Amino acid sequence: MSGDELENYESEMELQLYREYRDVVGLFRYVVETERRFYLANAVEVTARTEGGEVFFEVLMEDAWVWDIYRTARFVKRVRVLSFKDVNVEELPPTDDLQLPQDGPELS
């Protein structure tokens, strides 16, 4: 597989993932962003923990969807994430207020 073919494949996978996101986002209440992943979830609990002088965050999610083009199963019943970086949690507006572009993001 050439570099161009790999790049085209990854671009197509990213577009398919965006379309899946667009289709499922209305099923979830929260958007959760960690240093490694982006999640949609219906329940989120973030707890700051300290161990050995280090501070980290424990993020527990239920009924989640994971933004990851390499996962075959993106729906997860329970997720536990430990992060030493920032964790961003946003409550999504009601489905009626959420408008996403139908064509997906522009890929270069």
PDB file of N, CA and C in Angstrom:
ATOM      1  N   MET A   1       0.856  -1.178   0.000  1.00  0.00           N
ATOM      2  CA  MET A   1       0.000   0.000   0.000  1.00  0.00           C
ATOM      3  C   MET A   1       0.897   1.233   0.000  1.00  0.00           C
ATOM      4  N   SER A   2       0.652   2.144  -0.916  1.00  0.00           N
ATOM      5  CA  SER A   2       1.466   3.348  -1.015  1.00  0.00           C
ATOM      6  C   SER A   2       1.053   4.361   0.047  1.00  0.00           C
ATOM      7  N   GLY A   3       1.869   5.368   0.217  1.00  0.00           N
ATOM      8  CA  GLY A   3       1.566   6.427   1.179  1.00  0.00           C
ATOM      9  C   GLY A   3       0.269   7.145   0.849  1.00  0.00           C
ATOM     10  N   ASP A   4       0.040   7.385  -0.449  1.00  0.00           N
ATOM     11  CA  ASP A   4      -1.201   8.056  -0.863  1.00  0.00           C
ATOM     12  C   ASP A   4      -2.416   7.184  -0.582  1.00  0.00           C
ATOM     13  N   GLU A   5      -2.295   5.886  -0.839  1.00  0.00           N
ATOM     14  CA  GLU A   5      -3.412   4.974  -0.579  1.00  0.00           C
ATOM     15  C   GLU A   5      -3.727   4.916   0.911  1.00  0.00           C
ATOM     16  N   LEU A   6      -2.690   4.893   1.737  1.00  0.00           N
ATOM     17  CA  LEU A   6      -2.884   4.872   3.183  1.00  0.00           C
ATOM     18  C   LEU A   6      -3.547   6.168   3.654  1.00  0.00           C
ATOM     19  N   GLU A   7      -3.096   7.287   3.126  1.00  0.00           N
ATOM     20  CA  GLU A   7      -3.678   8.576   3.486  1.00  0.00           C
ATOM     21  C   GLU A   7      -5.144   8.647   3.059  1.00  0.00           C
ATOM     22  N   ASN A   8      -5.456   8.161   1.849  1.00  0.00           N
ATOM     23  CA  ASN A   8      -6.849   8.141   1.381  1.00  0.00           C
ATOM     24  C   ASN A   8      -7.707   7.231   2.246  1.00  0.00           C
ATOM     25  N   TYR A   9      -7.158   6.070   2.625  1.00  0.00           N
ATOM     26  CA  TYR A   9      -7.875   5.135   3.483  1.00  0.00           C
ATOM     27  C   TYR A   9      -8.191   5.783   4.829  1.00  0.00           C
ATOM     28  N   GLU A  10      -7.199   6.421   5.453  1.00  0.00           N
ATOM     29  CA  GLU A  10      -7.414   7.065   6.746  1.00  0.00           C
ATOM     30  C   GLU A  10      -8.398   8.220   6.631  1.00  0.00           C
ATOM     31  N   SER A  11      -8.348   8.973   5.551  1.00  0.00           N
ATOM     32  CA  SER A  11      -9.301  10.069   5.340  1.00  0.00           C
ATOM     33  C   SER A  11     -10.719   9.529   5.213  1.00  0.00           C
ATOM     34  N   GLU A  12     -10.887   8.440   4.483  1.00  0.00           N
ATOM     35  CA  GLU A  12     -12.206   7.825   4.328  1.00  0.00           C
ATOM     36  C   GLU A  12     -12.713   7.282   5.659  1.00  0.00           C
ATOM     37  N   MET A  13     -11.833   6.658   6.440  1.00  0.00           N
ATOM     38  CA  MET A  13     -12.222   6.141   7.759  1.00  0.00           C
ATOM     39  C   MET A  13     -12.640   7.280   8.692  1.00  0.00           C
ATOM     40  N   GLU A  14     -11.915   8.383   8.639  1.00  0.00           N
ATOM     41  CA  GLU A  14     -12.246   9.551   9.464  1.00  0.00           C
ATOM     42  C   GLU A  14     -13.608  10.113   9.067  1.00  0.00           C
ATOM     43  N   LEU A  15     -13.886  10.177   7.780  1.00  0.00           N
ATOM     44  CA  LEU A  15     -15.179  10.667   7.306  1.00  0.00           C
ATOM     45  C   LEU A  15     -16.303   9.727   7.736  1.00  0.00           C
ATOM     46  N   GLN A  16     -16.087   8.419   7.641  1.00  0.00           N
ATOM     47  CA  GLN A  16     -17.089   7.452   8.101  1.00  0.00           C
ATOM     48  C   GLN A  16     -17.335   7.585   9.601  1.00  0.00           C
ATOM     49  N   LEU A  17     -16.264   7.817  10.364  1.00  0.00           N
ATOM     50  CA  LEU A  17     -16.397   7.995  11.806  1.00  0.00           C
ATOM     51  C   LEU A  17     -17.199   9.252  12.124  1.00  0.00           C
ATOM     52  N   TYR A  18     -16.927  10.335  11.405  1.00  0.00           N
ATOM     53  CA  TYR A  18     -17.691  11.565  11.614  1.00  0.00           C
ATOM     54  C   TYR A  18     -19.174  11.326  11.327  1.00  0.00           C
ATOM     55  N   ARG A  19     -19.462  10.610  10.264  1.00  0.00           N
ATOM     56  CA  ARG A  19     -20.865  10.326   9.927  1.00  0.00           C
ATOM     57  C   ARG A  19     -21.532   9.494  11.016  1.00  0.00           C
ATOM     58  N   GLU A  20     -20.800   8.526  11.559  1.00  0.00           N
ATOM     59  CA  GLU A  20     -21.344   7.736  12.666  1.00  0.00           C
ATOM     60  C   GLU A  20     -21.592   8.639  13.879  1.00  0.00           C
ATOM     61  N   TYR A  21     -20.625   9.515  14.180  1.00  0.00           N
ATOM     62  CA  TYR A  21     -20.785  10.477  15.280  1.00  0.00           C
ATOM     63  C   TYR A  21     -22.049  11.309  15.072  1.00  0.00           C
ATOM     64  N   ARG A  22     -22.217  11.822  13.880  1.00  0.00           N
ATOM     65  CA  ARG A  22     -23.387  12.647  13.558  1.00  0.00           C
ATOM     66  C   ARG A  22     -24.682  11.867  13.801  1.00  0.00           C
ATOM     67  N   ASP A  23     -24.678  10.576  13.485  1.00  0.00           N
ATOM     68  CA  ASP A  23     -25.865   9.747  13.649  1.00  0.00           C
ATOM     69  C   ASP A  23     -26.162   9.414  15.110  1.00  0.00           C
ATOM     70  N   VAL A  24     -25.141   9.324  15.955  1.00  0.00           N
ATOM     71  CA  VAL A  24     -25.362   8.878  17.337  1.00  0.00           C
ATOM     72  C   VAL A  24     -25.315   9.987  18.381  1.00  0.00           C
ATOM     73  N   VAL A  25     -24.827  11.167  18.052  1.00  0.00           N
ATOM     74  CA  VAL A  25     -24.634  12.215  19.064  1.00  0.00           C
ATOM     75  C   VAL A  25     -25.923  12.544  19.809  1.00  0.00           C
ATOM     76  N   GLY A  26     -27.068  12.456  19.162  1.00  0.00           N
ATOM     77  CA  GLY A  26     -28.336  12.756  19.810  1.00  0.00           C
ATOM     78  C   GLY A  26     -28.751  11.753  20.874  1.00  0.00           C
ATOM     79  N   LEU A  27     -28.045  10.634  20.957  1.00  0.00           N
ATOM     80  CA  LEU A  27     -28.356   9.608  21.955  1.00  0.00           C
ATOM     81  C   LEU A  27     -27.661   9.855  23.293  1.00  0.00           C
ATOM     82  N   PHE A  28     -26.783  10.866  23.348  1.00  0.00           N
ATOM     83  CA  PHE A  28     -25.927  11.049  24.523  1.00  0.00           C
ATOM     84  C   PHE A  28     -26.118  12.422  25.167  1.00  0.00           C
ATOM     85  N   ARG A  29     -25.754  12.510  26.455  1.00  0.00           N
ATOM     86  CA  ARG A  29     -25.909  13.744  27.226  1.00  0.00           C
ATOM     87  C   ARG A  29     -24.616  14.535  27.376  1.00  0.00           C
ATOM     88  N   TYR A  30     -23.462  13.860  27.294  1.00  0.00           N
ATOM     89  CA  TYR A  30     -22.190  14.526  27.564  1.00  0.00           C
ATOM     90  C   TYR A  30     -21.155  14.236  26.480  1.00  0.00           C
ATOM     91  N   VAL A  31     -20.274  15.203  26.300  1.00  0.00           N
ATOM     92  CA  VAL A  31     -19.069  15.055  25.498  1.00  0.00           C
ATOM     93  C   VAL A  31     -17.914  15.087  26.484  1.00  0.00           C
ATOM     94  N   VAL A  32     -17.020  14.105  26.397  1.00  0.00           N
ATOM     95  CA  VAL A  32     -15.870  14.022  27.292  1.00  0.00           C
ATOM     96  C   VAL A  32     -14.618  13.962  26.430  1.00  0.00           C
ATOM     97  N   GLU A  33     -13.679  14.860  26.734  1.00  0.00           N
ATOM     98  CA  GLU A  33     -12.428  14.895  25.979  1.00  0.00           C
ATOM     99  C   GLU A  33     -11.269  14.704  26.943  1.00  0.00           C
ATOM    100  N   THR A  34     -10.444  13.696  26.668  1.00  0.00           N
ATOM    101  CA  THR A  34      -9.232  13.458  27.442  1.00  0.00           C
ATOM    102  C   THR A  34      -8.046  13.669  26.516  1.00  0.00           C
ATOM    103  N   GLU A  35      -6.847  13.480  27.026  1.00  0.00           N
ATOM    104  CA  GLU A  35      -5.660  13.684  26.182  1.00  0.00           C
ATOM    105  C   GLU A  35      -5.574  12.670  25.042  1.00  0.00           C
ATOM    106  N   ARG A  36      -6.214  11.514  25.209  1.00  0.00           N
ATOM    107  CA  ARG A  36      -6.075  10.460  24.202  1.00  0.00           C
ATOM    108  C   ARG A  36      -7.318  10.185  23.390  1.00  0.00           C
ATOM    109  N   ARG A  37      -8.501  10.477  23.941  1.00  0.00           N
ATOM    110  CA  ARG A  37      -9.736  10.077  23.274  1.00  0.00           C
ATOM    111  C   ARG A  37     -10.823  11.132  23.445  1.00  0.00           C
ATOM    112  N   PHE A  38     -11.842  10.958  22.634  1.00  0.00           N
ATOM    113  CA  PHE A  38     -13.048  11.780  22.661  1.00  0.00           C
ATOM    114  C   PHE A  38     -14.202  10.800  22.850  1.00  0.00           C
ATOM    115  N   TYR A  39     -15.094  11.096  23.791  1.00  0.00           N
ATOM    116  CA  TYR A  39     -16.199  10.195  24.112  1.00  0.00           C
ATOM    117  C   TYR A  39     -17.524  10.943  24.093  1.00  0.00           C
ATOM    118  N   LEU A  40     -18.583  10.209  23.841  1.00  0.00           N
ATOM    119  CA  LEU A  40     -19.944  10.644  24.120  1.00  0.00           C
ATOM    120  C   LEU A  40     -20.415   9.703  25.220  1.00  0.00           C
ATOM    121  N   ALA A  41     -21.165  10.216  26.205  1.00  0.00           N
ATOM    122  CA  ALA A  41     -21.606   9.357  27.302  1.00  0.00           C
ATOM    123  C   ALA A  41     -22.911   9.879  27.886  1.00  0.00           C
ATOM    124  N   ASN A  42     -23.629   9.001  28.561  1.00  0.00           N
ATOM    125  CA  ASN A  42     -24.864   9.400  29.226  1.00  0.00           C
ATOM    126  C   ASN A  42     -24.675   9.643  30.714  1.00  0.00           C
ATOM    127  N   ALA A  43     -23.584   9.172  31.294  1.00  0.00           N
ATOM    128  CA  ALA A  43     -23.265   9.439  32.696  1.00  0.00           C
ATOM    129  C   ALA A  43     -21.755   9.608  32.798  1.00  0.00           C
ATOM    130  N   VAL A  44     -21.332  10.659  33.523  1.00  0.00           N
ATOM    131  CA  VAL A  44     -19.904  10.950  33.670  1.00  0.00           C
ATOM    132  C   VAL A  44     -19.634  11.363  35.110  1.00  0.00           C
ATOM    133  N   GLU A  45     -18.563  10.818  35.656  1.00  0.00           N
ATOM    134  CA  GLU A  45     -18.108  11.207  36.991  1.00  0.00           C
ATOM    135  C   GLU A  45     -16.601  11.417  36.916  1.00  0.00           C
ATOM    136  N   VAL A  46     -16.136  12.606  37.299  1.00  0.00           N
ATOM    137  CA  VAL A  46     -14.707  12.916  37.285  1.00  0.00           C
ATOM    138  C   VAL A  46     -14.265  13.138  38.723  1.00  0.00           C
ATOM    139  N   THR A  47     -13.214  12.428  39.136  1.00  0.00           N
ATOM    140  CA  THR A  47     -12.688  12.548  40.490  1.00  0.00           C
ATOM    141  C   THR A  47     -11.197  12.838  40.410  1.00  0.00           C
ATOM    142  N   ALA A  48     -10.768  13.903  41.095  1.00  0.00           N
ATOM    143  CA  ALA A  48      -9.338  14.203  41.181  1.00  0.00           C
ATOM    144  C   ALA A  48      -8.742  13.310  42.262  1.00  0.00           C
ATOM    145  N   ARG A  49      -7.641  12.662  41.950  1.00  0.00           N
ATOM    146  CA  ARG A  49      -6.982  11.746  42.891  1.00  0.00           C
ATOM    147  C   ARG A  49      -5.522  12.177  43.054  1.00  0.00           C
ATOM    148  N   THR A  50      -4.967  11.860  44.223  1.00  0.00           N
ATOM    149  CA  THR A  50      -3.561  12.138  44.499  1.00  0.00           C
ATOM    150  C   THR A  50      -2.904  10.850  44.969  1.00  0.00           C
ATOM    151  N   GLU A  51      -1.766  10.544  44.364  1.00  0.00           N
ATOM    152  CA  GLU A  51      -1.019   9.361  44.769  1.00  0.00           C
ATOM    153  C   GLU A  51       0.464   9.638  44.569  1.00  0.00           C
ATOM    154  N   GLY A  52       1.229   9.488  45.618  1.00  0.00           N
ATOM    155  CA  GLY A  52       2.669   9.727  45.526  1.00  0.00           C
ATOM    156  C   GLY A  52       3.002  11.148  45.116  1.00  0.00           C
ATOM    157  N   GLY A  53       2.200  12.106  45.518  1.00  0.00           N
ATOM    158  CA  GLY A  53       2.434  13.495  45.173  1.00  0.00           C
ATOM    159  C   GLY A  53       1.964  13.891  43.786  1.00  0.00           C
ATOM    160  N   GLU A  54       1.479  12.950  43.013  1.00  0.00           N
ATOM    161  CA  GLU A  54       0.967  13.222  41.671  1.00  0.00           C
ATOM    162  C   GLU A  54      -0.547  13.357  41.700  1.00  0.00           C
ATOM    163  N   VAL A  55      -1.055  14.312  40.958  1.00  0.00           N
ATOM    164  CA  VAL A  55      -2.499  14.493  40.833  1.00  0.00           C
ATOM    165  C   VAL A  55      -2.928  13.957  39.474  1.00  0.00           C
ATOM    166  N   PHE A  56      -4.001  13.171  39.481  1.00  0.00           N
ATOM    167  CA  PHE A  56      -4.550  12.667  38.225  1.00  0.00           C
ATOM    168  C   PHE A  56      -6.062  12.621  38.352  1.00  0.00           C
ATOM    169  N   PHE A  57      -6.719  12.417  37.222  1.00  0.00           N
ATOM    170  CA  PHE A  57      -8.171  12.379  37.191  1.00  0.00           C
ATOM    171  C   PHE A  57      -8.637  10.973  36.845  1.00  0.00           C
ATOM    172  N   GLU A  58      -9.633  10.527  37.596  1.00  0.00           N
ATOM    173  CA  GLU A  58     -10.303   9.272  37.275  1.00  0.00           C
ATOM    174  C   GLU A  58     -11.650   9.652  36.683  1.00  0.00           C
ATOM    175  N   VAL A  59     -11.895   9.188  35.471  1.00  0.00           N
ATOM    176  CA  VAL A  59     -13.128   9.498  34.758  1.00  0.00           C
ATOM    177  C   VAL A  59     -13.901   8.195  34.569  1.00  0.00           C
ATOM    178  N   LEU A  60     -15.113   8.152  35.109  1.00  0.00           N
ATOM    179  CA  LEU A  60     -15.983   6.998  34.941  1.00  0.00           C
ATOM    180  C   LEU A  60     -17.138   7.400  34.035  1.00  0.00           C
ATOM    181  N   MET A  61     -17.397   6.610  33.010  1.00  0.00           N
ATOM    182  CA  MET A  61     -18.481   6.893  32.079  1.00  0.00           C
ATOM    183  C   MET A  61     -19.323   5.643  31.891  1.00  0.00           C
ATOM    184  N   GLU A  62     -20.605   5.853  31.648  1.00  0.00           N
ATOM    185  CA  GLU A  62     -21.514   4.758  31.337  1.00  0.00           C
ATOM    186  C   GLU A  62     -22.227   5.044  30.035  1.00  0.00           C
ATOM    187  N   ASP A  63     -22.558   3.983  29.332  1.00  0.00           N
ATOM    188  CA  ASP A  63     -23.222   4.085  28.027  1.00  0.00           C
ATOM    189  C   ASP A  63     -22.476   5.074  27.150  1.00  0.00           C
ATOM    190  N   ALA A  64     -21.290   4.689  26.744  1.00  0.00           N
ATOM    191  CA  ALA A  64     -20.399   5.596  26.025  1.00  0.00           C
ATOM    192  C   ALA A  64     -20.172   5.147  24.581  1.00  0.00           C
ATOM    193  N   TRP A  65     -19.745   6.129  23.787  1.00  0.00           N
ATOM    194  CA  TRP A  65     -19.321   5.918  22.405  1.00  0.00           C
ATOM    195  C   TRP A  65     -17.937   6.540  22.292  1.00  0.00           C
ATOM    196  N   VAL A  66     -16.987   5.819  21.675  1.00  0.00           N
ATOM    197  CA  VAL A  66     -15.597   6.248  21.619  1.00  0.00           C
ATOM    198  C   VAL A  66     -15.232   6.676  20.198  1.00  0.00           C
ATOM    199  N   TRP A  67     -14.643   7.880  20.076  1.00  0.00           N
ATOM    200  CA  TRP A  67     -14.153   8.357  18.781  1.00  0.00           C
ATOM    201  C   TRP A  67     -12.780   7.720  18.562  1.00  0.00           C
ATOM    202  N   ASP A  68     -12.728   6.680  17.750  1.00  0.00           N
ATOM    203  CA  ASP A  68     -11.474   5.996  17.470  1.00  0.00           C
ATOM    204  C   ASP A  68     -11.656   5.215  16.171  1.00  0.00           C
ATOM    205  N   ILE A  69     -10.968   5.622  15.120  1.00  0.00           N
ATOM    206  CA  ILE A  69     -11.171   4.979  13.820  1.00  0.00           C
ATOM    207  C   ILE A  69     -10.683   3.540  13.801  1.00  0.00           C
ATOM    208  N   TYR A  70      -9.846   3.153  14.744  1.00  0.00           N
ATOM    209  CA  TYR A  70      -9.287   1.807  14.736  1.00  0.00           C
ATOM    210  C   TYR A  70     -10.062   0.812  15.602  1.00  0.00           C
ATOM    211  N   ARG A  71     -11.093   1.278  16.305  1.00  0.00           N
ATOM    212  CA  ARG A  71     -11.931   0.371  17.110  1.00  0.00           C
ATOM    213  C   ARG A  71     -13.068  -0.152  16.254  1.00  0.00           C
ATOM    214  N   THR A  72     -13.313  -1.433  16.324  1.00  0.00           N
ATOM    215  CA  THR A  72     -14.456  -1.988  15.598  1.00  0.00           C
ATOM    216  C   THR A  72     -15.736  -1.838  16.406  1.00  0.00           C
ATOM    217  N   ALA A  73     -15.636  -1.873  17.731  1.00  0.00           N
ATOM    218  CA  ALA A  73     -16.799  -1.690  18.605  1.00  0.00           C
ATOM    219  C   ALA A  73     -16.631  -0.380  19.365  1.00  0.00           C
ATOM    220  N   ARG A  74     -17.369   0.640  18.956  1.00  0.00           N
ATOM    221  CA  ARG A  74     -17.223   1.947  19.580  1.00  0.00           C
ATOM    222  C   ARG A  74     -18.194   2.176  20.738  1.00  0.00           C
ATOM    223  N   PHE A  75     -19.237   1.373  20.848  1.00  0.00           N
ATOM    224  CA  PHE A  75     -20.174   1.504  21.960  1.00  0.00           C
ATOM    225  C   PHE A  75     -19.653   0.687  23.137  1.00  0.00           C
ATOM    226  N   VAL A  76     -19.594   1.330  24.313  1.00  0.00           N
ATOM    227  CA  VAL A  76     -19.046   0.700  25.503  1.00  0.00           C
ATOM    228  C   VAL A  76     -20.006   0.923  26.669  1.00  0.00           C
ATOM    229  N   LYS A  77     -20.271  -0.122  27.439  1.00  0.00           N
ATOM    230  CA  LYS A  77     -21.190   0.003  28.578  1.00  0.00           C
ATOM    231  C   LYS A  77     -20.577   0.846  29.695  1.00  0.00           C
ATOM    232  N   ARG A  78     -19.335   0.534  30.071  1.00  0.00           N
ATOM    233  CA  ARG A  78     -18.642   1.286  31.129  1.00  0.00           C
ATOM    234  C   ARG A  78     -17.208   1.558  30.690  1.00  0.00           C
ATOM    235  N   VAL A  79     -16.737   2.767  31.031  1.00  0.00           N
ATOM    236  CA  VAL A  79     -15.366   3.158  30.698  1.00  0.00           C
ATOM    237  C   VAL A  79     -14.745   3.785  31.931  1.00  0.00           C
ATOM    238  N   ARG A  80     -13.499   3.425  32.209  1.00  0.00           N
ATOM    239  CA  ARG A  80     -12.720   4.055  33.273  1.00  0.00           C
ATOM    240  C   ARG A  80     -11.432   4.557  32.643  1.00  0.00           C
ATOM    241  N   VAL A  81     -11.188   5.863  32.783  1.00  0.00           N
ATOM    242  CA  VAL A  81     -10.005   6.484  32.200  1.00  0.00           C
ATOM    243  C   VAL A  81      -9.231   7.165  33.316  1.00  0.00           C
ATOM    244  N   LEU A  82      -7.924   6.984  33.328  1.00  0.00           N
ATOM    245  CA  LEU A  82      -7.046   7.711  34.239  1.00  0.00           C
ATOM    246  C   LEU A  82      -6.231   8.675  33.394  1.00  0.00           C
ATOM    247  N   SER A  83      -6.211   9.953  33.803  1.00  0.00           N
ATOM    248  CA  SER A  83      -5.534  10.970  32.999  1.00  0.00           C
ATOM    249  C   SER A  83      -4.735  11.916  33.889  1.00  0.00           C
ATOM    250  N   PHE A  84      -3.502  12.167  33.494  1.00  0.00           N
ATOM    251  CA  PHE A  84      -2.668  13.154  34.174  1.00  0.00           C
ATOM    252  C   PHE A  84      -2.800  14.521  33.510  1.00  0.00           C
ATOM    253  N   LYS A  85      -3.576  14.591  32.450  1.00  0.00           N
ATOM    254  CA  LYS A  85      -3.815  15.847  31.728  1.00  0.00           C
ATOM    255  C   LYS A  85      -5.231  16.317  31.995  1.00  0.00           C
ATOM    256  N   ASP A  86      -5.572  17.451  31.415  1.00  0.00           N
ATOM    257  CA  ASP A  86      -6.915  18.007  31.585  1.00  0.00           C
ATOM    258  C   ASP A  86      -7.972  17.066  31.034  1.00  0.00           C
ATOM    259  N   VAL A  87      -9.142  17.118  31.658  1.00  0.00           N
ATOM    260  CA  VAL A  87     -10.319  16.397  31.192  1.00  0.00           C
ATOM    261  C   VAL A  87     -11.414  17.435  31.007  1.00  0.00           C
ATOM    262  N   ASN A  88     -12.018  17.441  29.846  1.00  0.00           N
ATOM    263  CA  ASN A  88     -13.079  18.400  29.546  1.00  0.00           C
ATOM    264  C   ASN A  88     -14.402  17.644  29.431  1.00  0.00           C
ATOM    265  N   VAL A  89     -15.412  18.087  30.193  1.00  0.00           N
ATOM    266  CA  VAL A  89     -16.741  17.486  30.137  1.00  0.00           C
ATOM    267  C   VAL A  89     -17.730  18.593  29.802  1.00  0.00           C
ATOM    268  N   GLU A  90     -18.508  18.371  28.763  1.00  0.00           N
ATOM    269  CA  GLU A  90     -19.535  19.340  28.369  1.00  0.00           C
ATOM    270  C   GLU A  90     -20.875  18.634  28.285  1.00  0.00           C
ATOM    271  N   GLU A  91     -21.911  19.300  28.776  1.00  0.00           N
ATOM    272  CA  GLU A  91     -23.253  18.768  28.637  1.00  0.00           C
ATOM    273  C   GLU A  91     -23.795  19.199  27.284  1.00  0.00           C
ATOM    274  N   LEU A  92     -24.302  18.247  26.545  1.00  0.00           N
ATOM    275  CA  LEU A  92     -24.842  18.545  25.219  1.00  0.00           C
ATOM    276  C   LEU A  92     -26.213  19.210  25.336  1.00  0.00           C
ATOM    277  N   PRO A  93     -26.540  20.089  24.396  1.00  0.00           N
ATOM    278  CA  PRO A  93     -27.887  20.680  24.395  1.00  0.00           C
ATOM    279  C   PRO A  93     -28.911  19.605  24.026  1.00  0.00           C
ATOM    280  N   PRO A  94     -30.168  19.848  24.305  1.00  0.00           N
ATOM    281  CA  PRO A  94     -31.193  18.885  23.875  1.00  0.00           C
ATOM    282  C   PRO A  94     -31.074  18.633  22.374  1.00  0.00           C
ATOM    283  N   THR A  95     -31.462  17.454  21.949  1.00  0.00           N
ATOM    284  CA  THR A  95     -31.318  17.025  20.557  1.00  0.00           C
ATOM    285  C   THR A  95     -31.927  18.026  19.583  1.00  0.00           C
ATOM    286  N   ASP A  96     -33.036  18.647  19.948  1.00  0.00           N
ATOM    287  CA  ASP A  96     -33.692  19.602  19.057  1.00  0.00           C
ATOM    288  C   ASP A  96     -32.799  20.798  18.744  1.00  0.00           C
ATOM    289  N   ASP A  97     -31.903  21.168  19.693  1.00  0.00           N
ATOM    290  CA  ASP A  97     -31.044  22.334  19.522  1.00  0.00           C
ATOM    291  C   ASP A  97     -29.736  22.013  18.802  1.00  0.00           C
ATOM    292  N   LEU A  98     -29.429  20.743  18.621  1.00  0.00           N
ATOM    293  CA  LEU A  98     -28.149  20.332  18.073  1.00  0.00           C
ATOM    294  C   LEU A  98     -28.231  20.215  16.554  1.00  0.00           C
ATOM    295  N   GLN A  99     -27.464  21.027  15.857  1.00  0.00           N
ATOM    296  CA  GLN A  99     -27.438  21.009  14.397  1.00  0.00           C
ATOM    297  C   GLN A  99     -26.012  20.767  13.931  1.00  0.00           C
ATOM    298  N   LEU A 100     -25.775  19.654  13.255  1.00  0.00           N
ATOM    299  CA  LEU A 100     -24.462  19.336  12.726  1.00  0.00           C
ATOM    300  C   LEU A 100     -24.496  19.412  11.205  1.00  0.00           C
ATOM    301  N   PRO A 101     -23.410  19.799  10.565  1.00  0.00           N
ATOM    302  CA  PRO A 101     -23.383  19.815   9.107  1.00  0.00           C
ATOM    303  C   PRO A 101     -23.589  18.409   8.563  1.00  0.00           C
ATOM    304  N   GLN A 102     -24.347  18.280   7.497  1.00  0.00           N
ATOM    305  CA  GLN A 102     -24.665  16.976   6.929  1.00  0.00           C
ATOM    306  C   GLN A 102     -23.509  16.385   6.123  1.00  0.00           C
ATOM    307  N   ASP A 103     -22.616  17.209   5.604  1.00  0.00           N
ATOM    308  CA  ASP A 103     -21.565  16.729   4.709  1.00  0.00           C
ATOM    309  C   ASP A 103     -20.317  16.265   5.438  1.00  0.00           C
ATOM    310  N   GLY A 104     -20.202  16.539   6.721  1.00  0.00           N
ATOM    311  CA  GLY A 104     -19.022  16.146   7.467  1.00  0.00           C
ATOM    312  C   GLY A 104     -17.938  17.205   7.391  1.00  0.00           C
ATOM    313  N   PRO A 105     -16.839  16.973   8.097  1.00  0.00           N
ATOM    314  CA  PRO A 105     -15.751  17.950   8.104  1.00  0.00           C
ATOM    315  C   PRO A 105     -15.025  17.950   6.764  1.00  0.00           C
ATOM    316  N   GLU A 106     -14.380  19.056   6.496  1.00  0.00           N
ATOM    317  CA  GLU A 106     -13.575  19.131   5.283  1.00  0.00           C
ATOM    318  C   GLU A 106     -12.249  18.440   5.551  1.00  0.00           C
ATOM    319  N   LEU A 107     -11.888  17.535   4.673  1.00  0.00           N
ATOM    320  CA  LEU A 107     -10.620  16.827   4.814  1.00  0.00           C
ATOM    321  C   LEU A 107      -9.702  17.303   3.699  1.00  0.00           C
ATOM    322  N   SER A 108      -8.477  17.605   4.079  1.00  0.00           N
ATOM    323  CA  SER A 108      -7.526  18.075   3.060  1.00  0.00           C
ATOM    324  C   SER A 108      -6.651  16.974   2.581  1.00  0.00           C
TER     325      SER A 108
END
